[in-house]
N, C-alpha and C. Protein backbone atom coordinates (compact mmCIF):
# COMPACT_ATOMS: atom_id res chain seq x y z
N TYR A 1 4.83 -40.47 11.71
CA TYR A 1 4.56 -40.52 10.28
C TYR A 1 4.77 -41.54 9.08
N SER A 2 3.70 -42.47 8.70
CA SER A 2 4.13 -43.09 7.87
C SER A 2 5.01 -42.18 6.63
N ALA A 3 5.38 -43.02 5.45
CA ALA A 3 6.39 -42.13 4.55
C ALA A 3 5.23 -41.57 4.00
N GLN A 4 4.15 -42.80 3.39
CA GLN A 4 2.71 -42.14 2.73
C GLN A 4 2.12 -40.96 3.37
N GLY A 5 2.04 -40.69 4.53
CA GLY A 5 1.50 -39.86 5.25
C GLY A 5 1.86 -38.36 5.11
N LEU A 6 3.27 -38.87 5.12
CA LEU A 6 4.36 -36.82 5.54
C LEU A 6 5.00 -37.26 3.58
N GLY A 7 4.56 -37.52 2.76
CA GLY A 7 4.60 -37.97 1.34
C GLY A 7 3.66 -36.91 1.31
N SER A 8 2.48 -36.89 1.29
CA SER A 8 0.99 -36.54 1.00
C SER A 8 1.03 -34.92 1.49
N ARG A 9 1.35 -35.17 3.00
CA ARG A 9 1.46 -34.04 3.43
C ARG A 9 2.99 -32.96 2.98
N ILE A 10 3.75 -33.22 3.01
CA ILE A 10 4.23 -32.39 1.97
C ILE A 10 4.45 -31.98 0.49
N ASP A 11 3.30 -32.80 -0.25
CA ASP A 11 3.18 -32.66 -1.33
C ASP A 11 1.99 -31.33 -1.28
N ALA A 12 1.06 -31.42 -0.47
CA ALA A 12 -0.16 -29.95 0.27
C ALA A 12 0.97 -28.96 0.14
N VAL A 13 2.06 -28.76 1.32
CA VAL A 13 2.33 -27.69 1.33
C VAL A 13 3.31 -27.18 0.08
N LEU A 14 4.37 -28.42 -0.80
CA LEU A 14 5.13 -27.50 -1.94
C LEU A 14 3.49 -26.98 -2.74
N ALA A 15 2.16 -27.52 -2.97
CA ALA A 15 1.40 -26.47 -3.63
C ALA A 15 1.04 -25.40 -3.37
N ILE A 16 1.33 -25.02 -2.15
CA ILE A 16 1.20 -23.56 -1.91
C ILE A 16 1.95 -22.17 -2.82
N PRO A 17 2.89 -22.51 -3.10
CA PRO A 17 3.46 -21.52 -4.08
C PRO A 17 2.91 -21.20 -5.69
N GLU A 18 2.00 -22.31 -5.71
CA GLU A 18 1.34 -22.40 -7.52
C GLU A 18 -0.08 -21.23 -6.59
N LEU A 19 -0.63 -21.40 -5.51
CA LEU A 19 -1.68 -21.22 -5.03
C LEU A 19 -0.78 -19.32 -4.60
N ALA A 20 0.08 -19.45 -4.44
CA ALA A 20 0.25 -17.76 -3.96
C ALA A 20 0.32 -17.23 -4.62
N ASN A 21 0.94 -17.37 -6.20
CA ASN A 21 1.18 -17.12 -7.61
C ASN A 21 -0.11 -17.15 -7.99
N SER A 22 -0.96 -17.21 -7.96
CA SER A 22 -2.09 -17.02 -8.66
C SER A 22 -3.17 -16.02 -8.08
N ASP A 23 -4.15 -15.66 -8.63
CA ASP A 23 -4.88 -14.52 -8.12
C ASP A 23 -5.19 -14.85 -6.50
N TRP A 24 -4.95 -13.89 -6.41
CA TRP A 24 -5.06 -13.12 -4.54
C TRP A 24 -6.39 -13.24 -4.33
N VAL A 25 -7.17 -12.02 -4.47
CA VAL A 25 -8.88 -12.38 -4.44
C VAL A 25 -9.38 -13.45 -4.35
N ARG A 26 -9.38 -13.97 -5.52
CA ARG A 26 -10.03 -15.29 -5.34
C ARG A 26 -9.60 -16.35 -4.81
N ARG A 27 -8.38 -16.50 -4.47
CA ARG A 27 -7.67 -17.59 -4.10
C ARG A 27 -6.98 -17.34 -2.02
N ALA A 28 -7.50 -15.89 -2.10
CA ALA A 28 -7.59 -15.51 -1.01
C ALA A 28 -8.17 -16.92 0.69
N ASN A 29 -9.67 -17.33 0.33
CA ASN A 29 -9.80 -18.33 1.28
C ASN A 29 -8.71 -19.95 1.38
N ALA A 30 -8.91 -20.06 0.18
CA ALA A 30 -7.81 -21.27 -0.41
C ALA A 30 -6.01 -21.20 0.13
N ILE A 31 -6.03 -19.80 0.72
CA ILE A 31 -4.44 -19.52 0.93
C ILE A 31 -4.75 -19.85 2.54
N ARG A 32 -5.32 -19.12 3.00
CA ARG A 32 -5.49 -19.33 4.23
C ARG A 32 -5.70 -20.63 5.31
N ILE A 33 -6.54 -21.26 4.25
CA ILE A 33 -6.49 -22.32 4.92
C ILE A 33 -5.16 -23.16 4.63
N CYS A 34 -4.52 -23.19 3.34
CA CYS A 34 -3.11 -24.23 3.31
C CYS A 34 -2.63 -23.37 3.99
N LEU A 35 -1.63 -22.01 4.59
CA LEU A 35 -1.50 -21.57 5.46
C LEU A 35 -2.18 -22.09 6.67
N GLY A 36 -2.77 -22.76 7.32
CA GLY A 36 -3.50 -23.29 8.45
C GLY A 36 -2.97 -24.84 8.72
N ALA A 37 -3.10 -25.30 7.14
CA ALA A 37 -2.64 -26.66 7.27
C ALA A 37 -0.96 -26.70 6.94
N PHE A 38 -0.57 -25.74 6.77
CA PHE A 38 1.42 -25.21 6.57
C PHE A 38 1.59 -25.16 8.18
N TRP A 39 1.14 -24.91 8.79
CA TRP A 39 1.32 -24.68 10.57
C TRP A 39 0.95 -25.89 10.82
N SER A 40 -0.36 -26.61 11.13
CA SER A 40 0.21 -27.74 11.46
C SER A 40 0.93 -28.68 10.86
N LEU A 41 1.02 -28.51 10.16
CA LEU A 41 2.36 -29.72 9.70
C LEU A 41 3.40 -29.37 10.35
N ILE A 42 3.88 -28.11 10.63
CA ILE A 42 5.30 -28.00 10.99
C ILE A 42 5.36 -28.68 12.67
N TYR A 43 3.62 -28.10 13.40
CA TYR A 43 3.61 -28.10 14.35
C TYR A 43 3.92 -29.86 14.97
N ASP A 44 3.21 -30.39 14.04
CA ASP A 44 3.30 -31.97 13.98
C ASP A 44 4.66 -32.36 13.79
N MET A 45 5.80 -31.81 13.00
CA MET A 45 6.63 -32.28 12.55
C MET A 45 7.60 -31.80 13.74
N THR A 46 7.23 -30.69 14.28
CA THR A 46 8.61 -30.64 15.71
C THR A 46 8.35 -31.08 16.83
N LYS A 47 6.66 -31.69 16.83
CA LYS A 47 6.42 -32.61 18.11
C LYS A 47 7.38 -34.47 17.44
N GLU A 48 7.43 -34.53 16.55
CA GLU A 48 7.93 -35.71 16.27
C GLU A 48 9.59 -35.71 16.19
N GLY A 49 10.34 -34.11 16.93
CA GLY A 49 11.74 -34.00 16.73
C GLY A 49 12.20 -33.71 16.04
N VAL A 50 11.60 -33.07 14.71
CA VAL A 50 12.19 -32.51 13.58
C VAL A 50 12.22 -31.56 13.33
N THR A 51 13.72 -30.60 12.98
CA THR A 51 13.99 -29.35 13.23
C THR A 51 13.63 -28.96 11.92
N VAL A 52 13.00 -27.70 12.08
CA VAL A 52 12.09 -26.99 10.71
C VAL A 52 12.65 -25.63 10.62
N LEU A 53 13.30 -25.28 9.78
CA LEU A 53 13.61 -23.88 9.66
C LEU A 53 12.36 -23.47 8.53
N VAL A 54 12.15 -22.50 8.96
CA VAL A 54 11.21 -21.58 8.63
C VAL A 54 11.52 -20.04 7.92
N THR A 55 11.19 -19.48 6.85
CA THR A 55 11.49 -18.25 6.28
C THR A 55 10.25 -17.93 6.27
N THR A 56 9.82 -16.20 6.86
CA THR A 56 9.11 -15.34 6.89
C THR A 56 9.19 -13.94 6.70
N HIS A 57 8.46 -13.50 5.95
CA HIS A 57 8.70 -11.83 6.46
C HIS A 57 7.72 -11.51 7.07
N TYR A 58 6.87 -12.55 7.82
CA TYR A 58 5.71 -11.73 8.80
C TYR A 58 5.77 -11.78 10.02
N MET A 59 6.09 -11.04 10.90
CA MET A 59 6.32 -11.39 12.33
C MET A 59 5.65 -12.15 12.78
N ASP A 60 3.90 -11.92 12.35
CA ASP A 60 2.96 -12.52 13.46
C ASP A 60 3.49 -14.06 13.32
N GLU A 61 3.91 -14.73 11.76
CA GLU A 61 4.19 -15.77 12.13
C GLU A 61 5.04 -16.46 13.10
N ALA A 62 6.10 -15.25 12.37
CA ALA A 62 7.76 -15.66 13.38
C ALA A 62 7.10 -16.02 14.75
N GLU A 63 5.89 -15.20 15.35
CA GLU A 63 5.43 -15.50 16.68
C GLU A 63 5.50 -16.82 17.05
N TYR A 64 5.10 -17.55 16.32
CA TYR A 64 4.74 -19.26 16.64
C TYR A 64 6.13 -20.56 16.69
N CYS A 65 6.88 -19.47 16.15
CA CYS A 65 8.24 -20.16 16.13
C CYS A 65 9.06 -20.34 17.61
N ASN A 66 9.63 -21.61 17.80
CA ASN A 66 10.36 -21.65 19.03
C ASN A 66 11.71 -20.42 18.85
N ARG A 67 12.46 -20.78 18.06
CA ARG A 67 13.85 -19.58 18.44
C ARG A 67 13.54 -18.76 16.18
N ILE A 68 13.71 -17.15 17.28
CA ILE A 68 14.12 -16.90 15.79
C ILE A 68 15.24 -16.02 15.35
N ALA A 69 15.64 -15.90 14.38
CA ALA A 69 16.62 -15.26 13.93
C ALA A 69 16.64 -13.93 13.06
N LEU A 70 16.40 -12.83 14.00
CA LEU A 70 15.95 -11.72 13.08
C LEU A 70 17.24 -11.02 12.03
N MET A 71 16.53 -10.85 11.19
CA MET A 71 17.96 -10.07 10.04
C MET A 71 17.76 -8.99 9.61
N HIS A 72 18.50 -7.88 8.90
CA HIS A 72 17.86 -6.82 8.63
C HIS A 72 19.30 -6.64 7.81
N GLY A 73 19.80 -5.74 6.78
CA GLY A 73 20.78 -5.11 6.15
C GLY A 73 21.60 -6.80 6.03
N GLY A 74 21.34 -7.87 5.13
CA GLY A 74 21.96 -9.14 5.24
C GLY A 74 22.89 -9.36 6.73
N LYS A 75 22.57 -9.16 7.38
CA LYS A 75 22.84 -9.54 8.76
C LYS A 75 22.21 -9.76 10.12
N MET A 76 22.46 -11.10 10.61
CA MET A 76 21.32 -11.23 11.86
C MET A 76 21.48 -10.03 13.11
N ILE A 77 20.65 -9.73 13.95
CA ILE A 77 20.69 -8.76 14.60
C ILE A 77 20.20 -9.25 15.76
N ALA A 78 19.64 -9.95 15.86
CA ALA A 78 19.07 -11.25 17.18
C ALA A 78 18.92 -12.47 17.29
N LEU A 79 18.67 -13.08 17.93
CA LEU A 79 18.59 -14.53 18.17
C LEU A 79 18.19 -14.60 19.18
N GLY A 80 16.98 -15.63 19.12
CA GLY A 80 16.23 -15.86 20.73
C GLY A 80 14.55 -16.52 20.46
N SER A 81 14.21 -16.76 21.37
CA SER A 81 12.88 -16.94 21.81
C SER A 81 11.98 -15.77 21.50
N PRO A 82 10.58 -16.74 21.17
CA PRO A 82 9.82 -14.82 21.27
C PRO A 82 9.91 -14.29 22.08
N SER A 83 9.55 -14.99 23.33
CA SER A 83 9.75 -14.10 24.93
C SER A 83 10.83 -13.19 25.64
N GLN A 84 12.38 -14.35 24.51
CA GLN A 84 13.50 -13.60 25.11
C GLN A 84 13.52 -12.13 24.08
N LEU A 85 13.30 -12.25 22.89
CA LEU A 85 12.95 -11.21 22.02
C LEU A 85 12.46 -9.89 23.11
N LYS A 86 11.38 -10.34 22.87
CA LYS A 86 10.74 -9.15 23.22
C LYS A 86 10.71 -8.38 24.95
N LYS A 87 11.91 -9.19 25.86
CA LYS A 87 12.56 -8.96 27.20
C LYS A 87 13.37 -7.99 26.07
N SER A 88 13.78 -7.67 25.07
CA SER A 88 15.14 -7.20 24.96
C SER A 88 14.73 -5.33 24.60
N LEU A 89 13.36 -5.48 24.52
CA LEU A 89 13.13 -4.76 24.49
C LEU A 89 13.23 -3.27 25.23
N GLY A 90 13.40 -3.98 26.12
CA GLY A 90 13.58 -2.96 27.90
C GLY A 90 12.63 -2.72 28.52
N ASP A 91 12.70 -1.72 29.56
CA ASP A 91 11.44 -1.96 30.21
C ASP A 91 10.26 -1.05 30.17
N GLY A 92 10.32 -0.70 28.82
CA GLY A 92 9.15 0.46 28.55
C GLY A 92 8.23 0.06 28.54
N HIS A 93 6.79 0.68 28.63
CA HIS A 93 5.46 -0.41 28.64
C HIS A 93 4.92 0.72 27.28
N LEU A 94 4.18 -0.63 26.70
CA LEU A 94 3.71 -0.27 25.26
C LEU A 94 2.17 0.25 25.25
N PHE A 95 1.65 1.08 24.45
CA PHE A 95 0.06 1.40 24.45
C PHE A 95 0.23 1.16 22.74
N HIS A 96 -1.40 0.77 22.74
CA HIS A 96 -2.17 0.86 20.88
C HIS A 96 -3.04 2.56 20.90
N VAL A 97 -3.14 2.79 19.85
CA VAL A 97 -3.92 4.26 19.94
C VAL A 97 -4.07 4.66 18.70
N GLU A 98 -5.35 4.65 18.44
CA GLU A 98 -6.24 4.57 17.02
C GLU A 98 -6.93 6.34 17.18
N SER A 99 -6.89 6.86 16.18
CA SER A 99 -7.24 8.25 16.35
C SER A 99 -7.86 8.81 14.80
N SER A 100 -7.90 9.93 15.19
CA SER A 100 -9.03 10.53 13.42
C SER A 100 -7.90 10.64 12.55
N ASP A 101 -6.73 11.11 13.35
CA ASP A 101 -5.46 11.96 12.76
C ASP A 101 -4.43 11.34 13.07
N LEU A 102 -4.46 10.23 12.18
CA LEU A 102 -2.69 9.14 12.55
C LEU A 102 -1.72 10.26 12.36
N LEU A 103 -1.37 10.97 11.78
CA LEU A 103 -0.31 11.59 11.79
C LEU A 103 0.18 12.73 12.78
N GLY A 104 -1.08 13.23 12.84
CA GLY A 104 -0.88 14.31 14.09
C GLY A 104 -0.70 13.77 15.48
N SER A 105 -1.75 12.82 15.59
CA SER A 105 -1.14 12.31 16.51
C SER A 105 0.35 11.63 16.77
N MET A 106 0.76 11.16 15.82
CA MET A 106 2.01 11.14 16.71
C MET A 106 2.61 12.29 16.83
N THR A 107 1.99 13.39 16.09
CA THR A 107 3.47 14.35 16.45
C THR A 107 3.20 14.43 18.17
N ILE A 108 2.06 14.94 18.42
CA ILE A 108 1.68 15.14 19.58
C ILE A 108 1.83 14.21 20.67
N ILE A 109 1.71 12.99 20.52
CA ILE A 109 2.49 11.99 21.47
C ILE A 109 4.02 11.92 22.00
N GLN A 110 4.74 12.51 20.53
CA GLN A 110 6.45 12.62 20.18
C GLN A 110 6.59 13.23 21.33
N GLY A 111 5.92 14.80 21.63
CA GLY A 111 6.23 15.51 22.15
C GLY A 111 5.98 15.66 23.76
N LEU A 112 5.54 14.36 24.47
CA LEU A 112 5.23 14.04 26.02
C LEU A 112 5.68 13.83 26.63
N PRO A 113 5.90 14.12 27.55
CA PRO A 113 7.17 13.78 28.82
C PRO A 113 7.05 11.94 28.80
N ASP A 114 8.10 11.34 29.19
CA ASP A 114 8.48 10.22 29.09
C ASP A 114 8.16 9.27 28.06
N VAL A 115 7.40 10.02 27.04
CA VAL A 115 7.27 8.87 25.88
C VAL A 115 8.70 8.38 24.76
N LEU A 116 8.85 7.27 24.95
CA LEU A 116 10.70 6.88 23.86
C LEU A 116 10.18 6.31 23.02
N ASP A 117 9.10 6.29 22.48
CA ASP A 117 8.89 5.94 20.85
C ASP A 117 7.75 6.36 20.63
N VAL A 118 7.16 6.50 18.97
CA VAL A 118 5.83 6.36 18.60
C VAL A 118 6.14 5.63 17.16
N ALA A 119 5.52 4.54 16.63
CA ALA A 119 5.60 4.13 15.63
C ALA A 119 4.15 3.59 14.89
N VAL A 120 4.32 3.88 13.66
CA VAL A 120 3.00 3.06 13.39
C VAL A 120 2.99 2.34 12.85
N PHE A 121 1.58 1.19 13.01
CA PHE A 121 1.40 0.12 13.05
C PHE A 121 -0.04 -0.13 12.73
N GLY A 122 -0.22 -0.19 11.21
CA GLY A 122 -1.21 -0.40 11.14
C GLY A 122 -1.70 0.44 10.80
N ALA A 123 -3.35 0.68 11.23
CA ALA A 123 -4.06 1.86 11.62
C ALA A 123 -3.78 2.78 12.65
N GLY A 124 -2.91 2.42 13.08
CA GLY A 124 -2.94 2.61 14.72
C GLY A 124 -1.44 3.22 15.11
N LEU A 125 -0.94 3.68 16.44
CA LEU A 125 0.49 3.74 16.55
C LEU A 125 0.66 2.96 17.84
N HIS A 126 1.93 2.35 17.54
CA HIS A 126 2.42 2.23 19.41
C HIS A 126 3.07 3.03 19.84
N VAL A 127 3.21 3.03 21.09
CA VAL A 127 3.61 4.25 21.89
C VAL A 127 4.52 3.32 23.13
N LYS A 128 5.53 3.67 22.77
CA LYS A 128 6.75 3.42 24.22
C LYS A 128 6.63 4.30 25.14
N SER A 129 6.76 4.13 26.71
CA SER A 129 6.66 5.07 27.46
C SER A 129 7.55 4.48 28.80
N SER A 130 8.02 5.23 29.33
CA SER A 130 8.86 5.03 30.69
C SER A 130 8.05 4.60 31.60
N GLN A 131 7.45 5.13 31.78
CA GLN A 131 6.32 5.30 32.61
C GLN A 131 4.88 4.48 31.90
N PRO A 132 4.29 3.83 33.09
CA PRO A 132 3.12 2.84 33.25
C PRO A 132 2.04 3.32 33.57
N THR A 133 2.00 4.30 34.45
CA THR A 133 0.82 5.20 35.52
C THR A 133 0.90 6.61 34.80
N GLY A 134 -0.20 7.07 34.15
CA GLY A 134 -0.71 8.48 33.77
C GLY A 134 -0.52 8.42 31.90
N MET A 135 0.34 7.41 31.48
CA MET A 135 0.57 7.48 30.19
C MET A 135 -0.97 7.63 29.30
N MET A 136 -1.57 6.50 29.43
CA MET A 136 -3.00 6.97 28.74
C MET A 136 -3.83 8.24 29.03
N GLU A 137 -3.92 8.79 30.38
CA GLU A 137 -4.39 9.97 30.81
C GLU A 137 -3.41 11.38 29.70
N ALA A 138 -2.39 10.99 29.49
CA ALA A 138 -1.80 11.67 29.50
C ALA A 138 -2.28 11.92 27.68
N ILE A 139 -2.06 10.95 27.09
CA ILE A 139 -2.25 10.77 25.80
C ILE A 139 -3.72 11.32 25.10
N SER A 140 -4.19 11.24 26.23
CA SER A 140 -6.03 11.47 25.47
C SER A 140 -5.97 12.88 26.10
N ALA A 141 -5.14 12.66 27.12
CA ALA A 141 -5.67 14.67 27.57
C ALA A 141 -5.28 15.49 26.03
N ALA A 142 -4.25 15.09 25.69
CA ALA A 142 -3.07 15.88 24.72
C ALA A 142 -4.09 15.42 23.32
N LEU A 143 -4.32 14.74 23.12
CA LEU A 143 -5.44 14.44 21.81
C LEU A 143 -6.85 14.73 21.67
N THR A 144 -7.41 15.42 22.60
CA THR A 144 -8.65 15.70 22.83
C THR A 144 -8.46 17.37 22.64
N GLN A 145 -7.65 17.90 23.28
CA GLN A 145 -7.73 19.22 23.73
C GLN A 145 -7.03 19.40 22.30
N ARG A 146 -6.75 19.14 21.50
CA ARG A 146 -6.53 19.08 20.17
C ARG A 146 -7.42 18.73 19.31
N GLY A 147 -8.38 18.55 19.61
CA GLY A 147 -9.78 18.02 18.95
C GLY A 147 -9.74 16.73 18.39
N ILE A 148 -8.18 16.01 18.37
CA ILE A 148 -8.63 14.63 17.88
C ILE A 148 -9.54 13.48 18.48
N GLU A 149 -10.31 12.55 17.57
CA GLU A 149 -11.01 11.66 18.54
C GLU A 149 -10.35 10.38 18.29
N ILE A 150 -10.22 10.08 19.77
CA ILE A 150 -9.87 8.81 20.00
C ILE A 150 -10.57 7.18 19.69
N ARG A 151 -10.03 6.62 18.99
CA ARG A 151 -10.49 5.78 18.87
C ARG A 151 -10.40 4.15 19.38
N ALA A 152 -9.27 4.31 19.67
CA ALA A 152 -8.42 2.97 20.71
C ALA A 152 -7.35 3.53 21.61
N LEU A 153 -7.46 3.38 22.52
CA LEU A 153 -5.83 3.57 23.43
C LEU A 153 -5.95 2.50 24.32
N GLU A 154 -5.36 2.00 24.64
CA GLU A 154 -5.09 1.01 25.65
C GLU A 154 -3.57 0.37 25.74
N PRO A 155 -3.71 -0.15 26.75
CA PRO A 155 -2.02 -0.96 27.07
C PRO A 155 -1.64 -1.88 26.53
N ILE A 156 -0.71 -2.57 25.74
CA ILE A 156 -0.95 -3.85 25.01
C ILE A 156 0.79 -4.57 25.35
N GLU A 157 1.12 -5.71 24.53
CA GLU A 157 2.15 -6.47 24.82
C GLU A 157 2.91 -6.56 23.52
N PRO A 158 4.10 -6.24 23.83
CA PRO A 158 4.81 -6.15 22.15
C PRO A 158 4.40 -7.30 21.63
N SER A 159 4.30 -6.87 20.18
CA SER A 159 4.51 -8.00 19.76
C SER A 159 6.01 -8.49 18.90
N MET A 160 6.21 -9.28 17.83
CA MET A 160 7.46 -9.49 17.48
C MET A 160 7.11 -8.14 16.35
N GLU A 161 6.81 -7.55 15.54
CA GLU A 161 7.04 -6.89 14.79
C GLU A 161 7.21 -5.84 15.74
N ASP A 162 7.03 -5.12 17.01
CA ASP A 162 7.52 -4.38 17.40
C ASP A 162 8.86 -4.77 18.05
N VAL A 163 8.98 -6.23 18.51
CA VAL A 163 10.77 -6.44 18.51
C VAL A 163 11.34 -5.67 17.22
N PHE A 164 10.73 -6.30 16.36
CA PHE A 164 12.00 -5.89 14.60
C PHE A 164 12.29 -4.56 14.38
N VAL A 165 11.29 -3.83 14.60
CA VAL A 165 11.22 -2.61 14.64
C VAL A 165 12.15 -1.46 15.81
N GLY A 166 11.99 -2.03 16.56
CA GLY A 166 12.53 -2.08 17.63
C GLY A 166 14.16 -1.86 17.01
N LEU A 167 14.90 -3.21 16.89
CA LEU A 167 16.15 -3.75 16.78
C LEU A 167 16.40 -3.00 15.48
N ILE A 168 15.68 -2.87 14.34
CA ILE A 168 16.10 -2.14 13.21
C ILE A 168 16.73 -0.27 13.86
N GLU A 169 15.47 -0.53 14.48
CA GLU A 169 15.81 1.81 14.87
C GLU A 169 17.42 1.43 15.64
N ARG A 170 17.22 0.48 16.52
CA ARG A 170 18.28 0.71 17.54
C ARG A 170 19.64 0.41 15.94
N GLU A 171 19.80 -0.61 15.70
CA GLU A 171 21.05 -0.96 14.46
C GLU A 171 21.36 0.63 13.34
N GLU A 172 20.06 0.98 13.39
CA GLU A 172 20.49 2.19 12.21
C GLU A 172 20.95 3.54 13.26
N ARG A 173 20.61 3.35 14.25
CA ARG A 173 20.66 4.46 15.18
C ARG A 173 22.85 4.30 15.54
N ALA A 174 23.02 3.28 15.65
CA ALA A 174 24.45 2.51 15.80
C ALA A 174 25.18 3.01 14.37
N ALA A 175 24.44 2.66 13.64
CA ALA A 175 25.44 2.99 12.29
C ALA A 175 25.46 4.83 11.95
N ALA A 176 24.50 5.31 12.49
CA ALA A 176 24.71 7.00 11.92
C ALA A 176 25.57 7.60 12.64
């Protein structure tokens, strides 16, 4: 980078908080564009050998980082690359479920054999199971039998959000 080019790019990044503190509804597109430019800047800087420290509450943003330190309760609970942290979830298999009755579905699925965990994620559920085969059929049969409409049911790869939630739950169980 030339000093002038880098300085200009940094000025653009430093302007982001001004946008973020503005009216979110009117500025949503501008913020999205600025965040895209922000991540582009980060990639460019790391290609030049610059170490960049990013702090975020958004696990989807953490997916873009080479190395992640996850914090909870004022202490670091995990450190590693996204793929290393995802492997730390263990051997379970993950499924995404959306239905007409989220909480009812959660209760029913928690009672199924081989279900290790059920967590709310957005408008759906993430179900961790010890069995890769037969789980989708078991979920489908259990929900259909109780008259719950299934809108989505599919196997998924764990996200950093899954990792973070799983690690927090592990920490809280250990503390209890």
